[in-house]
Amino acid sequence: TNTINRQGARITFDVRTNSKQYVLYSANCQT
């Protein structure tokens, strides 16, 4: 939650899965 980077509807954020895998996502909160 402290590494979320927002630019309007665009966002990048860190995820740790239930199996302790790491994913850095980029996404659009509107689309």
ModelCIF file with pLDDT and N, C-alpha, C, O atoms, coordinates in Angstrom:
data_MODEL
#
_entry.id   MODEL 
#
_entity.id                         1 
_entity.type                       polymer 
_entity.pdbx_number_of_molecules   1 
#
_entity_poly.entity_id                      1 
_entity_poly.type                           'polypeptide(L)' 
_entity_poly.nstd_linkage                   no 
_entity_poly.nstd_monomer                   no 
_entity_poly.pdbx_seq_one_letter_code       TNTINRQGARITFDVRTNSKQYVLYSANCQT 
_entity_poly.pdbx_seq_one_letter_code_can   TNTINRQGARITFDVRTNSKQYVLYSANCQT 
_entity_poly.pdbx_strand_id                 A 
#
loop_
_entity_poly_seq.entity_id 
_entity_poly_seq.num 
_entity_poly_seq.mon_id 
_entity_poly_seq.hetero 
1 1  THR n 
1 2  ASN n 
1 3  THR n 
1 4  ILE n 
1 5  ASN n 
1 6  ARG n 
1 7  GLN n 
1 8  GLY n 
1 9  ALA n 
1 10 ARG n 
1 11 ILE n 
1 12 THR n 
1 13 PHE n 
1 14 ASP n 
1 15 VAL n 
1 16 ARG n 
1 17 THR n 
1 18 ASN n 
1 19 SER n 
1 20 LYS n 
1 21 GLN n 
1 22 TYR n 
1 23 VAL n 
1 24 LEU n 
1 25 TYR n 
1 26 SER n 
1 27 ALA n 
1 28 ASN n 
1 29 CYS n 
1 30 GLN n 
1 31 THR n 
#
_struct_asym.id          A 
_struct_asym.entity_id   1 
#
loop_
_ma_qa_metric.id 
_ma_qa_metric.mode 
_ma_qa_metric.name 
_ma_qa_metric.software_group_id 
_ma_qa_metric.type 
1 global pLDDT . pLDDT 
2 local  pLDDT . pLDDT 
#
_ma_qa_metric_global.metric_id      1 
_ma_qa_metric_global.metric_value   94.42 
_ma_qa_metric_global.model_id       1 
_ma_qa_metric_global.ordinal_id     1 
#
loop_
_ma_qa_metric_local.label_asym_id 
_ma_qa_metric_local.label_comp_id 
_ma_qa_metric_local.label_seq_id 
_ma_qa_metric_local.metric_id 
_ma_qa_metric_local.metric_value 
_ma_qa_metric_local.model_id 
_ma_qa_metric_local.ordinal_id 
A THR 1  2 94.00 1 1  
A ASN 2  2 93.00 1 2  
A THR 3  2 92.00 1 3  
A ILE 4  2 95.00 1 4  
A ASN 5  2 95.00 1 5  
A ARG 6  2 95.00 1 6  
A GLN 7  2 94.00 1 7  
A GLY 8  2 94.00 1 8  
A ALA 9  2 96.00 1 9  
A ARG 10 2 96.00 1 10 
A ILE 11 2 97.00 1 11 
A THR 12 2 96.00 1 12 
A PHE 13 2 96.00 1 13 
A ASP 14 2 95.00 1 14 
A VAL 15 2 96.00 1 15 
A ARG 16 2 94.00 1 16 
A THR 17 2 93.00 1 17 
A ASN 18 2 89.00 1 18 
A SER 19 2 88.00 1 19 
A LYS 20 2 88.00 1 20 
A GLN 21 2 92.00 1 21 
A TYR 22 2 93.00 1 22 
A VAL 23 2 94.00 1 23 
A LEU 24 2 95.00 1 24 
A TYR 25 2 96.00 1 25 
A SER 26 2 96.00 1 26 
A ALA 27 2 97.00 1 27 
A ASN 28 2 97.00 1 28 
A CYS 29 2 97.00 1 29 
A GLN 30 2 97.00 1 30 
A THR 31 2 97.00 1 31 
#
loop_
_atom_site.group_PDB 
_atom_site.id 
_atom_site.type_symbol 
_atom_site.label_atom_id 
_atom_site.label_alt_id 
_atom_site.label_comp_id 
_atom_site.label_asym_id 
_atom_site.label_entity_id 
_atom_site.label_seq_id 
_atom_site.pdbx_PDB_ins_code 
_atom_site.Cartn_x 
_atom_site.Cartn_y 
_atom_site.Cartn_z 
_atom_site.occupancy 
_atom_site.B_iso_or_equiv 
_atom_site.pdbx_formal_charge 
_atom_site.auth_seq_id 
_atom_site.auth_comp_id 
_atom_site.auth_asym_id 
_atom_site.auth_atom_id 
_atom_site.pdbx_PDB_model_num 
ATOM 1   N N  . THR A 1 1  ? 0.804   -1.227  0.000   1.00 94.00 ? 1  THR A N  1 
ATOM 2   C CA . THR A 1 1  ? 0.000   0.000   0.000   1.00 94.00 ? 1  THR A CA 1 
ATOM 3   C C  . THR A 1 1  ? 0.839   1.280   0.000   1.00 94.00 ? 1  THR A C  1 
ATOM 4   O O  . THR A 1 1  ? 0.366   2.323   -0.451  1.00 94.00 ? 1  THR A O  1 
ATOM 5   N N  . ASN A 1 2  ? 2.050   1.217   0.489   1.00 93.00 ? 2  ASN A N  1 
ATOM 6   C CA . ASN A 1 2  ? 2.874   2.435   0.529   1.00 93.00 ? 2  ASN A CA 1 
ATOM 7   C C  . ASN A 1 2  ? 3.734   2.606   -0.725  1.00 93.00 ? 2  ASN A C  1 
ATOM 8   O O  . ASN A 1 2  ? 4.465   3.590   -0.841  1.00 93.00 ? 2  ASN A O  1 
ATOM 9   N N  . THR A 1 3  ? 3.654   1.661   -1.660  1.00 92.00 ? 3  THR A N  1 
ATOM 10  C CA . THR A 1 3  ? 4.446   1.779   -2.889  1.00 92.00 ? 3  THR A CA 1 
ATOM 11  C C  . THR A 1 3  ? 3.573   1.990   -4.117  1.00 92.00 ? 3  THR A C  1 
ATOM 12  O O  . THR A 1 3  ? 4.060   1.916   -5.245  1.00 92.00 ? 3  THR A O  1 
ATOM 13  N N  . ILE A 1 4  ? 2.286   2.253   -3.907  1.00 95.00 ? 4  ILE A N  1 
ATOM 14  C CA . ILE A 1 4  ? 1.379   2.523   -5.030  1.00 95.00 ? 4  ILE A CA 1 
ATOM 15  C C  . ILE A 1 4  ? 1.763   3.851   -5.663  1.00 95.00 ? 4  ILE A C  1 
ATOM 16  O O  . ILE A 1 4  ? 1.987   4.845   -4.972  1.00 95.00 ? 4  ILE A O  1 
ATOM 17  N N  . ASN A 1 5  ? 1.836   3.850   -6.982  1.00 95.00 ? 5  ASN A N  1 
ATOM 18  C CA . ASN A 1 5  ? 2.174   5.056   -7.733  1.00 95.00 ? 5  ASN A CA 1 
ATOM 19  C C  . ASN A 1 5  ? 1.028   5.346   -8.685  1.00 95.00 ? 5  ASN A C  1 
ATOM 20  O O  . ASN A 1 5  ? 0.760   4.554   -9.589  1.00 95.00 ? 5  ASN A O  1 
ATOM 21  N N  . ARG A 1 6  ? 0.345   6.477   -8.493  1.00 95.00 ? 6  ARG A N  1 
ATOM 22  C CA . ARG A 1 6  ? -0.817  6.836   -9.319  1.00 95.00 ? 6  ARG A CA 1 
ATOM 23  C C  . ARG A 1 6  ? -0.536  8.048   -10.161 1.00 95.00 ? 6  ARG A C  1 
ATOM 24  O O  . ARG A 1 6  ? 0.130   8.989   -9.730  1.00 95.00 ? 6  ARG A O  1 
ATOM 25  N N  . GLN A 1 7  ? -1.058  8.012   -11.381 1.00 94.00 ? 7  GLN A N  1 
ATOM 26  C CA . GLN A 1 7  ? -1.030  9.140   -12.303 1.00 94.00 ? 7  GLN A CA 1 
ATOM 27  C C  . GLN A 1 7  ? -2.413  9.160   -12.960 1.00 94.00 ? 7  GLN A C  1 
ATOM 28  O O  . GLN A 1 7  ? -2.609  8.554   -14.014 1.00 94.00 ? 7  GLN A O  1 
ATOM 29  N N  . GLY A 1 8  ? -3.367  9.855   -12.342 1.00 94.00 ? 8  GLY A N  1 
ATOM 30  C CA . GLY A 1 8  ? -4.745  9.824   -12.825 1.00 94.00 ? 8  GLY A CA 1 
ATOM 31  C C  . GLY A 1 8  ? -5.326  8.432   -12.635 1.00 94.00 ? 8  GLY A C  1 
ATOM 32  O O  . GLY A 1 8  ? -5.318  7.897   -11.527 1.00 94.00 ? 8  GLY A O  1 
ATOM 33  N N  . ALA A 1 9  ? -5.831  7.843   -13.719 1.00 96.00 ? 9  ALA A N  1 
ATOM 34  C CA . ALA A 1 9  ? -6.407  6.499   -13.653 1.00 96.00 ? 9  ALA A CA 1 
ATOM 35  C C  . ALA A 1 9  ? -5.333  5.418   -13.734 1.00 96.00 ? 9  ALA A C  1 
ATOM 36  O O  . ALA A 1 9  ? -5.612  4.252   -13.453 1.00 96.00 ? 9  ALA A O  1 
ATOM 37  N N  . ARG A 1 10 ? -4.128  5.782   -14.108 1.00 96.00 ? 10 ARG A N  1 
ATOM 38  C CA . ARG A 1 10 ? -3.024  4.825   -14.256 1.00 96.00 ? 10 ARG A CA 1 
ATOM 39  C C  . ARG A 1 10 ? -2.370  4.575   -12.896 1.00 96.00 ? 10 ARG A C  1 
ATOM 40  O O  . ARG A 1 10 ? -2.236  5.480   -12.073 1.00 96.00 ? 10 ARG A O  1 
ATOM 41  N N  . ILE A 1 11 ? -1.969  3.318   -12.687 1.00 97.00 ? 11 ILE A N  1 
ATOM 42  C CA . ILE A 1 11 ? -1.434  2.938   -11.386 1.00 97.00 ? 11 ILE A CA 1 
ATOM 43  C C  . ILE A 1 11 ? -0.370  1.850   -11.562 1.00 97.00 ? 11 ILE A C  1 
ATOM 44  O O  . ILE A 1 11 ? -0.501  0.983   -12.425 1.00 97.00 ? 11 ILE A O  1 
ATOM 45  N N  . THR A 1 12 ? 0.673   1.899   -10.748 1.00 96.00 ? 12 THR A N  1 
ATOM 46  C CA . THR A 1 12 ? 1.610   0.774   -10.639 1.00 96.00 ? 12 THR A CA 1 
ATOM 47  C C  . THR A 1 12 ? 1.625   0.377   -9.165  1.00 96.00 ? 12 THR A C  1 
ATOM 48  O O  . THR A 1 12 ? 1.554   1.226   -8.277  1.00 96.00 ? 12 THR A O  1 
ATOM 49  N N  . PHE A 1 13 ? 1.721   -0.933  -8.923  1.00 96.00 ? 13 PHE A N  1 
ATOM 50  C CA . PHE A 1 13 ? 1.668   -1.391  -7.536  1.00 96.00 ? 13 PHE A CA 1 
ATOM 51  C C  . PHE A 1 13 ? 2.298   -2.776  -7.393  1.00 96.00 ? 13 PHE A C  1 
ATOM 52  O O  . PHE A 1 13 ? 2.318   -3.575  -8.329  1.00 96.00 ? 13 PHE A O  1 
ATOM 53  N N  . ASP A 1 14 ? 2.808   -3.031  -6.193  1.00 95.00 ? 14 ASP A N  1 
ATOM 54  C CA . ASP A 1 14 ? 3.433   -4.301  -5.835  1.00 95.00 ? 14 ASP A CA 1 
ATOM 55  C C  . ASP A 1 14 ? 2.378   -5.271  -5.320  1.00 95.00 ? 14 ASP A C  1 
ATOM 56  O O  . ASP A 1 14 ? 1.451   -4.878  -4.611  1.00 95.00 ? 14 ASP A O  1 
ATOM 57  N N  . VAL A 1 15 ? 2.529   -6.542  -5.684  1.00 96.00 ? 15 VAL A N  1 
ATOM 58  C CA . VAL A 1 15 ? 1.633   -7.594  -5.205  1.00 96.00 ? 15 VAL A CA 1 
ATOM 59  C C  . VAL A 1 15 ? 2.477   -8.767  -4.726  1.00 96.00 ? 15 VAL A C  1 
ATOM 60  O O  . VAL A 1 15 ? 3.457   -9.151  -5.363  1.00 96.00 ? 15 VAL A O  1 
ATOM 61  N N  . ARG A 1 16 ? 2.075   -9.327  -3.590  1.00 94.00 ? 16 ARG A N  1 
ATOM 62  C CA . ARG A 1 16 ? 2.638   -10.593 -3.108  1.00 94.00 ? 16 ARG A CA 1 
ATOM 63  C C  . ARG A 1 16 ? 1.508   -11.599 -3.138  1.00 94.00 ? 16 ARG A C  1 
ATOM 64  O O  . ARG A 1 16 ? 0.489   -11.410 -2.473  1.00 94.00 ? 16 ARG A O  1 
ATOM 65  N N  . THR A 1 17 ? 1.677   -12.670 -3.905  1.00 93.00 ? 17 THR A N  1 
ATOM 66  C CA . THR A 1 17 ? 0.614   -13.667 -4.028  1.00 93.00 ? 17 THR A CA 1 
ATOM 67  C C  . THR A 1 17 ? 0.583   -14.561 -2.800  1.00 93.00 ? 17 THR A C  1 
ATOM 68  O O  . THR A 1 17 ? 1.455   -14.483 -1.935  1.00 93.00 ? 17 THR A O  1 
ATOM 69  N N  . ASN A 1 18 ? -0.431  -15.409 -2.736  1.00 89.00 ? 18 ASN A N  1 
ATOM 70  C CA . ASN A 1 18 ? -0.547  -16.325 -1.602  1.00 89.00 ? 18 ASN A CA 1 
ATOM 71  C C  . ASN A 1 18 ? 0.597   -17.335 -1.566  1.00 89.00 ? 18 ASN A C  1 
ATOM 72  O O  . ASN A 1 18 ? 0.841   -17.945 -0.525  1.00 89.00 ? 18 ASN A O  1 
ATOM 73  N N  . SER A 1 19 ? 1.297   -17.522 -2.673  1.00 88.00 ? 19 SER A N  1 
ATOM 74  C CA . SER A 1 19 ? 2.440   -18.443 -2.700  1.00 88.00 ? 19 SER A CA 1 
ATOM 75  C C  . SER A 1 19 ? 3.772   -17.696 -2.596  1.00 88.00 ? 19 SER A C  1 
ATOM 76  O O  . SER A 1 19 ? 4.822   -18.225 -2.962  1.00 88.00 ? 19 SER A O  1 
ATOM 77  N N  . LYS A 1 20 ? 3.714   -16.463 -2.094  1.00 88.00 ? 20 LYS A N  1 
ATOM 78  C CA . LYS A 1 20 ? 4.886   -15.621 -1.854  1.00 88.00 ? 20 LYS A CA 1 
ATOM 79  C C  . LYS A 1 20 ? 5.622   -15.232 -3.142  1.00 88.00 ? 20 LYS A C  1 
ATOM 80  O O  . LYS A 1 20 ? 6.820   -14.949 -3.120  1.00 88.00 ? 20 LYS A O  1 
ATOM 81  N N  . GLN A 1 21 ? 4.896   -15.221 -4.254  1.00 92.00 ? 21 GLN A N  1 
ATOM 82  C CA . GLN A 1 21 ? 5.454   -14.723 -5.506  1.00 92.00 ? 21 GLN A CA 1 
ATOM 83  C C  . GLN A 1 21 ? 5.230   -13.219 -5.555  1.00 92.00 ? 21 GLN A C  1 
ATOM 84  O O  . GLN A 1 21 ? 4.258   -12.711 -4.996  1.00 92.00 ? 21 GLN A O  1 
ATOM 85  N N  . TYR A 1 22 ? 6.126   -12.515 -6.218  1.00 93.00 ? 22 TYR A N  1 
ATOM 86  C CA . TYR A 1 22 ? 6.051   -11.060 -6.345  1.00 93.00 ? 22 TYR A CA 1 
ATOM 87  C C  . TYR A 1 22 ? 5.680   -10.699 -7.776  1.00 93.00 ? 22 TYR A C  1 
ATOM 88  O O  . TYR A 1 22 ? 6.197   -11.283 -8.728  1.00 93.00 ? 22 TYR A O  1 
ATOM 89  N N  . VAL A 1 23 ? 4.764   -9.714  -7.924  1.00 94.00 ? 23 VAL A N  1 
ATOM 90  C CA . VAL A 1 23 ? 4.415   -9.184  -9.241  1.00 94.00 ? 23 VAL A CA 1 
ATOM 91  C C  . VAL A 1 23 ? 4.310   -7.668  -9.123  1.00 94.00 ? 23 VAL A C  1 
ATOM 92  O O  . VAL A 1 23 ? 3.679   -7.148  -8.203  1.00 94.00 ? 23 VAL A O  1 
ATOM 93  N N  . LEU A 1 24 ? 4.932   -6.969  -10.059 1.00 95.00 ? 24 LEU A N  1 
ATOM 94  C CA . LEU A 1 24 ? 4.750   -5.524  -10.188 1.00 95.00 ? 24 LEU A CA 1 
ATOM 95  C C  . LEU A 1 24 ? 3.790   -5.334  -11.344 1.00 95.00 ? 24 LEU A C  1 
ATOM 96  O O  . LEU A 1 24 ? 4.091   -5.702  -12.480 1.00 95.00 ? 24 LEU A O  1 
ATOM 97  N N  . TYR A 1 25 ? 2.624   -4.754  -11.051 1.00 96.00 ? 25 TYR A N  1 
ATOM 98  C CA . TYR A 1 25 ? 1.611   -4.514  -12.066 1.00 96.00 ? 25 TYR A CA 1 
ATOM 99  C C  . TYR A 1 25 ? 1.541   -3.038  -12.432 1.00 96.00 ? 25 TYR A C  1 
ATOM 100 O O  . TYR A 1 25 ? 1.816   -2.155  -11.619 1.00 96.00 ? 25 TYR A O  1 
ATOM 101 N N  . SER A 1 26 ? 1.170   -2.807  -13.667 1.00 96.00 ? 26 SER A N  1 
ATOM 102 C CA . SER A 1 26 ? 0.739   -1.501  -14.140 1.00 96.00 ? 26 SER A CA 1 
ATOM 103 C C  . SER A 1 26 ? -0.700  -1.719  -14.575 1.00 96.00 ? 26 SER A C  1 
ATOM 104 O O  . SER A 1 26 ? -1.010  -2.752  -15.167 1.00 96.00 ? 26 SER A O  1 
ATOM 105 N N  . ALA A 1 27 ? -1.583  -0.772  -14.298 1.00 97.00 ? 27 ALA A N  1 
ATOM 106 C CA . ALA A 1 27 ? -2.994  -0.971  -14.633 1.00 97.00 ? 27 ALA A CA 1 
ATOM 107 C C  . ALA A 1 27 ? -3.686  0.365   -14.844 1.00 97.00 ? 27 ALA A C  1 
ATOM 108 O O  . ALA A 1 27 ? -3.136  1.429   -14.559 1.00 97.00 ? 27 ALA A O  1 
ATOM 109 N N  . ASN A 1 28 ? -4.900  0.279   -15.348 1.00 97.00 ? 28 ASN A N  1 
ATOM 110 C CA . ASN A 1 28 ? -5.753  1.447   -15.509 1.00 97.00 ? 28 ASN A CA 1 
ATOM 111 C C  . ASN A 1 28 ? -6.988  1.205   -14.658 1.00 97.00 ? 28 ASN A C  1 
ATOM 112 O O  . ASN A 1 28 ? -7.724  0.243   -14.881 1.00 97.00 ? 28 ASN A O  1 
ATOM 113 N N  . CYS A 1 29 ? -7.217  2.077   -13.680 1.00 97.00 ? 29 CYS A N  1 
ATOM 114 C CA . CYS A 1 29 ? -8.328  1.903   -12.748 1.00 97.00 ? 29 CYS A CA 1 
ATOM 115 C C  . CYS A 1 29 ? -9.690  2.140   -13.406 1.00 97.00 ? 29 CYS A C  1 
ATOM 116 O O  . CYS A 1 29 ? -10.712 1.725   -12.858 1.00 97.00 ? 29 CYS A O  1 
ATOM 117 N N  . GLN A 1 30 ? -9.724  2.792   -14.560 1.00 97.00 ? 30 GLN A N  1 
ATOM 118 C CA . GLN A 1 30 ? -10.996 3.004   -15.259 1.00 97.00 ? 30 GLN A CA 1 
ATOM 119 C C  . GLN A 1 30 ? -11.309 1.880   -16.226 1.00 97.00 ? 30 GLN A C  1 
ATOM 120 O O  . GLN A 1 30 ? -12.424 1.358   -16.224 1.00 97.00 ? 30 GLN A O  1 
ATOM 121 N N  . THR A 1 31 ? -10.346 1.498   -17.053 1.00 97.00 ? 31 THR A N  1 
ATOM 122 C CA . THR A 1 31 ? -10.599 0.444   -18.043 1.00 97.00 ? 31 THR A CA 1 
ATOM 123 C C  . THR A 1 31 ? -10.464 -0.944  -17.445 1.00 97.00 ? 31 THR A C  1 
ATOM 124 O O  . THR A 1 31 ? -10.645 -1.938  -18.148 1.00 97.00 ? 31 THR A O  1 
#
